[in-house]
Amino acid sequence: MAVSEQAGIQDQTSTLTMASASSPHTNNDDGEQEAFGPEARDVIFTIPNLISLIRILSIPCIAYLISQRQLLLSLVILMISSATDGLDGYIARRFNQVSRIGQLLDPIADRLLIICSMLALGWAHIVPWWLLIAVGVRDLIMLMEILVLADHGYGPLPVHFVGKAGTALLLMCVPILIIGDLGSQNIFTVLHLIGVAGAIWGIGLYWVAGVIYISQGVVLITHLGRQNTE
């Protein structure tokens, strides 16, 4: 192996090791974790945390309404819940209420919304089941990787922009798919097709990010194995 290639791998391993081993951690938009900022505190009872908790509690309600095809009501609750997504972060920063649990709750809400909404949309026959399976299998693989890394003494890997893009795209597709099933006119058909196409692209980015995370995990574990044999 060329010296420059070896140096590049060592640099990548060093970066991943520092990012993965740093503590404490918090989840990011793609469900992985990243280091807390220095302003995060060990507080629980704050207004931003309450807002995040209410958002999480609204997700089963949204999923149930979608599965029962009460689409308009589910859309209204989804829009209200989405409006609070940025509100909790703004209040936390504005009034110095940033907390570790708050940094965990927000990405957990995003992950639950994607999984529960896709399940409900599949149950209501709005999207094909293979979309749900594609999301579920990817998340299961990522969970397994997190457990393997933890067994080797590493924290979850730092977020990649591809994963964040996939998550954002999937979150945007949920209301589009709901609206697209509200009527039978051409405009609703077009919205449905846009929603399905967007979901496919989002899942594609989801999997690309998953491959990136797996390759990074292999680099870390391989590096650890080499250190143990030296």
Protein backbone atom coordinates (compact mmCIF):
# COMPACT_ATOMS: atom_id res chain seq x y z
CA MET A 1 0.00 0.00 0.00
CA ALA A 2 1.30 3.46 -0.88
CA VAL A 3 2.51 5.69 1.92
CA SER A 4 0.01 8.42 0.99
CA GLU A 5 -2.86 5.92 1.05
CA GLN A 6 -1.78 4.63 4.46
CA ALA A 7 -1.58 8.18 5.77
CA GLY A 8 -5.06 8.91 4.43
CA ILE A 9 -6.52 5.85 6.16
CA GLN A 10 -4.77 6.77 9.41
CA ASP A 11 -6.14 10.31 9.24
CA GLN A 12 -9.66 9.00 8.59
CA THR A 13 -9.37 6.51 11.44
CA SER A 14 -8.07 9.18 13.82
CA THR A 15 -10.96 11.50 12.94
CA LEU A 16 -13.58 8.78 13.35
CA THR A 17 -12.04 7.56 16.60
CA MET A 18 -12.10 11.00 18.19
CA ALA A 19 -15.66 11.66 16.98
CA SER A 20 -16.97 8.24 17.99
CA ALA A 21 -15.19 8.01 21.32
CA SER A 22 -16.03 11.56 22.45
CA SER A 23 -18.44 11.73 25.38
CA PRO A 24 -21.11 12.56 26.20
CA HIS A 25 -23.14 12.11 23.00
CA THR A 26 -26.47 13.12 21.58
CA ASN A 27 -28.55 11.87 18.68
CA ASN A 28 -28.62 13.83 15.44
CA ASP A 29 -31.22 14.12 12.71
CA ASP A 30 -30.32 10.76 11.23
CA GLY A 31 -30.64 8.89 14.50
CA GLU A 32 -26.90 8.59 15.12
CA GLN A 33 -25.15 10.58 17.82
CA GLU A 34 -22.75 13.44 17.99
CA ALA A 35 -20.94 15.23 20.80
CA PHE A 36 -22.86 17.63 22.98
CA GLY A 37 -22.09 21.28 22.77
CA PRO A 38 -20.53 22.80 25.87
CA GLU A 39 -23.76 24.62 26.65
CA ALA A 40 -25.78 21.40 27.22
CA ARG A 41 -26.83 20.85 30.83
CA ASP A 42 -28.20 17.99 32.93
CA VAL A 43 -31.69 19.40 33.34
CA ILE A 44 -35.00 17.69 32.59
CA PHE A 45 -37.92 19.94 33.47
CA THR A 46 -37.72 22.71 30.88
CA ILE A 47 -40.24 24.19 28.47
CA PRO A 48 -38.34 22.96 25.36
CA ASN A 49 -38.25 19.41 26.76
CA LEU A 50 -41.99 19.57 27.45
CA ILE A 51 -42.62 20.69 23.87
CA SER A 52 -40.47 17.85 22.52
CA LEU A 53 -42.27 15.34 24.72
CA ILE A 54 -45.68 16.54 23.52
CA ARG A 55 -44.45 16.18 19.94
CA ILE A 56 -43.39 12.59 20.60
CA LEU A 57 -46.72 11.79 22.28
CA SER A 58 -48.59 13.16 19.24
CA ILE A 59 -46.91 10.67 16.88
CA PRO A 60 -49.01 7.58 17.83
CA CYS A 61 -52.14 9.72 17.43
CA ILE A 62 -51.02 10.84 13.96
CA ALA A 63 -50.18 7.28 12.94
CA TYR A 64 -53.52 5.95 14.21
CA LEU A 65 -55.50 8.62 12.35
CA ILE A 66 -53.61 7.89 9.12
CA SER A 67 -54.20 4.15 9.47
CA GLN A 68 -57.93 4.84 9.96
CA ARG A 69 -57.86 7.14 6.92
CA GLN A 70 -58.87 10.19 8.95
CA LEU A 71 -56.40 12.04 6.81
CA LEU A 72 -57.50 15.64 7.25
CA LEU A 73 -57.39 15.46 11.04
CA SER A 74 -54.05 13.64 10.95
CA LEU A 75 -52.69 16.35 8.66
CA VAL A 76 -53.80 19.12 11.03
CA ILE A 77 -52.15 17.44 14.03
CA LEU A 78 -49.03 16.73 11.96
CA MET A 79 -48.75 20.39 10.94
CA ILE A 80 -49.15 21.55 14.55
CA SER A 81 -46.56 19.01 15.70
CA SER A 82 -44.15 20.04 12.93
CA ALA A 83 -44.54 23.70 13.87
CA THR A 84 -43.17 22.89 17.33
CA ASP A 85 -40.11 21.15 15.84
CA GLY A 86 -38.08 24.32 15.58
CA LEU A 87 -39.82 26.08 18.46
CA ASP A 88 -38.28 23.91 21.18
CA GLY A 89 -34.77 24.50 19.84
CA TYR A 90 -35.32 28.26 19.56
CA ILE A 91 -36.62 28.54 23.12
CA ALA A 92 -33.77 26.39 24.43
CA ARG A 93 -31.13 28.60 22.80
CA ARG A 94 -32.90 31.89 23.46
CA PHE A 95 -33.45 31.28 27.18
CA ASN A 96 -30.37 29.13 27.86
CA GLN A 97 -32.36 25.94 28.43
CA VAL A 98 -30.31 23.61 26.21
CA SER A 99 -30.15 20.19 27.87
CA ARG A 100 -28.79 16.76 27.09
CA ILE A 101 -32.18 15.11 27.22
CA GLY A 102 -33.54 17.80 24.92
CA GLN A 103 -30.83 17.03 22.38
CA LEU A 104 -31.94 13.40 22.53
CA LEU A 105 -35.70 13.97 22.31
CA ASP A 106 -35.73 15.94 19.06
CA PRO A 107 -34.04 13.35 16.80
CA ILE A 108 -35.95 10.55 18.53
CA ALA A 109 -39.14 12.35 17.52
CA ASP A 110 -37.96 12.55 13.90
CA ARG A 111 -37.11 8.85 13.83
CA LEU A 112 -40.42 7.81 15.40
CA LEU A 113 -42.38 10.04 13.05
CA ILE A 114 -40.76 8.46 9.99
CA ILE A 115 -41.22 4.87 11.17
CA CYS A 116 -44.76 5.26 12.55
CA SER A 117 -45.98 7.35 9.61
CA MET A 118 -44.58 4.95 7.01
CA LEU A 119 -46.20 2.06 8.89
CA ALA A 120 -49.55 3.86 8.98
CA LEU A 121 -49.30 4.92 5.31
CA GLY A 122 -48.62 1.31 4.37
CA TRP A 123 -51.53 0.10 6.52
CA ALA A 124 -53.83 2.59 4.78
CA HIS A 125 -52.56 1.40 1.36
CA ILE A 126 -51.24 4.86 0.53
CA VAL A 127 -47.67 3.66 -0.04
CA PRO A 128 -46.41 0.17 -0.96
CA TRP A 129 -45.21 -1.98 1.92
CA TRP A 130 -41.74 -2.38 0.46
CA LEU A 131 -41.07 1.29 1.30
CA LEU A 132 -41.74 0.55 4.96
CA ILE A 133 -39.59 -2.58 4.81
CA ALA A 134 -36.72 -0.61 3.23
CA VAL A 135 -36.82 1.94 6.06
CA GLY A 136 -37.15 -0.68 8.79
CA VAL A 137 -34.34 -2.91 7.55
CA ARG A 138 -31.95 0.02 7.22
CA ASP A 139 -32.69 1.24 10.75
CA LEU A 140 -32.27 -2.30 12.09
CA ILE A 141 -28.84 -2.58 10.44
CA MET A 142 -27.81 0.77 11.90
CA LEU A 143 -28.94 -0.35 15.36
CA MET A 144 -26.85 -3.50 15.02
CA GLU A 145 -23.82 -1.41 14.01
CA ILE A 146 -24.26 0.85 17.04
CA LEU A 147 -24.32 -2.22 19.29
CA VAL A 148 -21.20 -3.70 17.64
CA LEU A 149 -19.32 -0.40 17.98
CA ALA A 150 -20.39 -0.13 21.61
CA ASP A 151 -19.05 -3.64 22.21
CA HIS A 152 -15.69 -2.44 20.87
CA GLY A 153 -15.73 0.65 23.08
CA TYR A 154 -16.88 3.21 20.50
CA GLY A 155 -19.86 5.53 20.55
CA PRO A 156 -22.16 5.94 17.53
CA LEU A 157 -20.61 7.53 14.46
CA PRO A 158 -20.86 11.25 13.65
CA VAL A 159 -23.68 12.35 11.37
CA HIS A 160 -23.17 12.45 7.60
CA PHE A 161 -24.93 15.07 5.47
CA VAL A 162 -26.33 12.35 3.18
CA GLY A 163 -28.18 10.81 6.12
CA LYS A 164 -29.52 14.19 7.21
CA ALA A 165 -30.73 14.86 3.66
CA GLY A 166 -32.50 11.50 3.52
CA THR A 167 -34.20 12.08 6.85
CA ALA A 168 -35.34 15.57 5.86
CA LEU A 169 -36.72 14.31 2.54
CA LEU A 170 -38.69 11.52 4.20
CA LEU A 171 -40.13 13.94 6.76
CA MET A 172 -41.28 16.27 3.98
CA CYS A 173 -42.91 13.42 2.06
CA VAL A 174 -45.26 12.41 4.88
CA PRO A 175 -47.62 15.44 4.62
CA ILE A 176 -47.37 15.37 0.80
CA LEU A 177 -48.52 11.74 0.75
CA ILE A 178 -51.39 12.52 3.12
CA ILE A 179 -52.56 15.47 1.02
CA GLY A 180 -52.19 13.40 -2.15
CA ASP A 181 -54.74 10.91 -0.83
CA LEU A 182 -57.37 13.50 0.12
CA GLY A 183 -59.00 13.52 -3.31
CA SER A 184 -59.13 11.90 -6.72
CA GLN A 185 -58.54 14.95 -8.90
CA ASN A 186 -55.42 15.22 -11.02
CA ILE A 187 -53.70 17.56 -8.56
CA PHE A 188 -53.97 14.97 -5.79
CA THR A 189 -52.68 12.24 -8.09
CA VAL A 190 -49.68 14.41 -8.95
CA LEU A 191 -49.00 15.10 -5.27
CA HIS A 192 -49.20 11.39 -4.50
CA LEU A 193 -46.68 10.59 -7.22
CA ILE A 194 -44.40 13.37 -5.96
CA GLY A 195 -44.66 12.01 -2.43
CA VAL A 196 -43.85 8.43 -3.47
CA ALA A 197 -40.96 9.59 -5.68
CA GLY A 198 -39.61 11.76 -2.86
CA ALA A 199 -39.88 8.86 -0.41
CA ILE A 200 -37.97 6.60 -2.79
CA TRP A 201 -35.21 9.21 -3.12
CA GLY A 202 -35.18 9.71 0.65
CA ILE A 203 -34.85 5.98 1.27
CA GLY A 204 -32.11 5.83 -1.36
CA LEU A 205 -30.15 8.51 0.50
CA TYR A 206 -30.94 6.67 3.72
CA TRP A 207 -29.23 3.55 2.39
CA VAL A 208 -26.29 5.45 0.90
CA ALA A 209 -25.70 6.98 4.33
CA GLY A 210 -26.02 3.52 5.85
CA VAL A 211 -23.28 2.17 3.58
CA ILE A 212 -21.09 5.13 4.58
CA TYR A 213 -21.67 4.45 8.28
CA ILE A 214 -20.90 0.74 7.82
CA SER A 215 -17.65 1.50 5.99
CA GLN A 216 -16.65 3.93 8.74
CA GLY A 217 -17.44 1.31 11.37
CA VAL A 218 -15.29 -1.26 9.57
CA VAL A 219 -12.41 1.25 9.52
CA LEU A 220 -12.72 1.81 13.28
CA ILE A 221 -12.93 -1.87 14.20
CA THR A 222 -10.09 -2.79 11.83
CA HIS A 223 -7.96 -0.04 13.36
CA LEU A 224 -8.72 -1.37 16.85
CA GLY A 225 -7.76 -4.89 15.77
CA ARG A 226 -4.44 -3.69 14.41
CA GLN A 227 -3.70 -1.82 17.64
CA ASN A 228 -4.39 -4.95 19.70
CA THR A 229 -1.98 -7.04 17.61
CA GLU A 230 0.86 -4.53 17.81
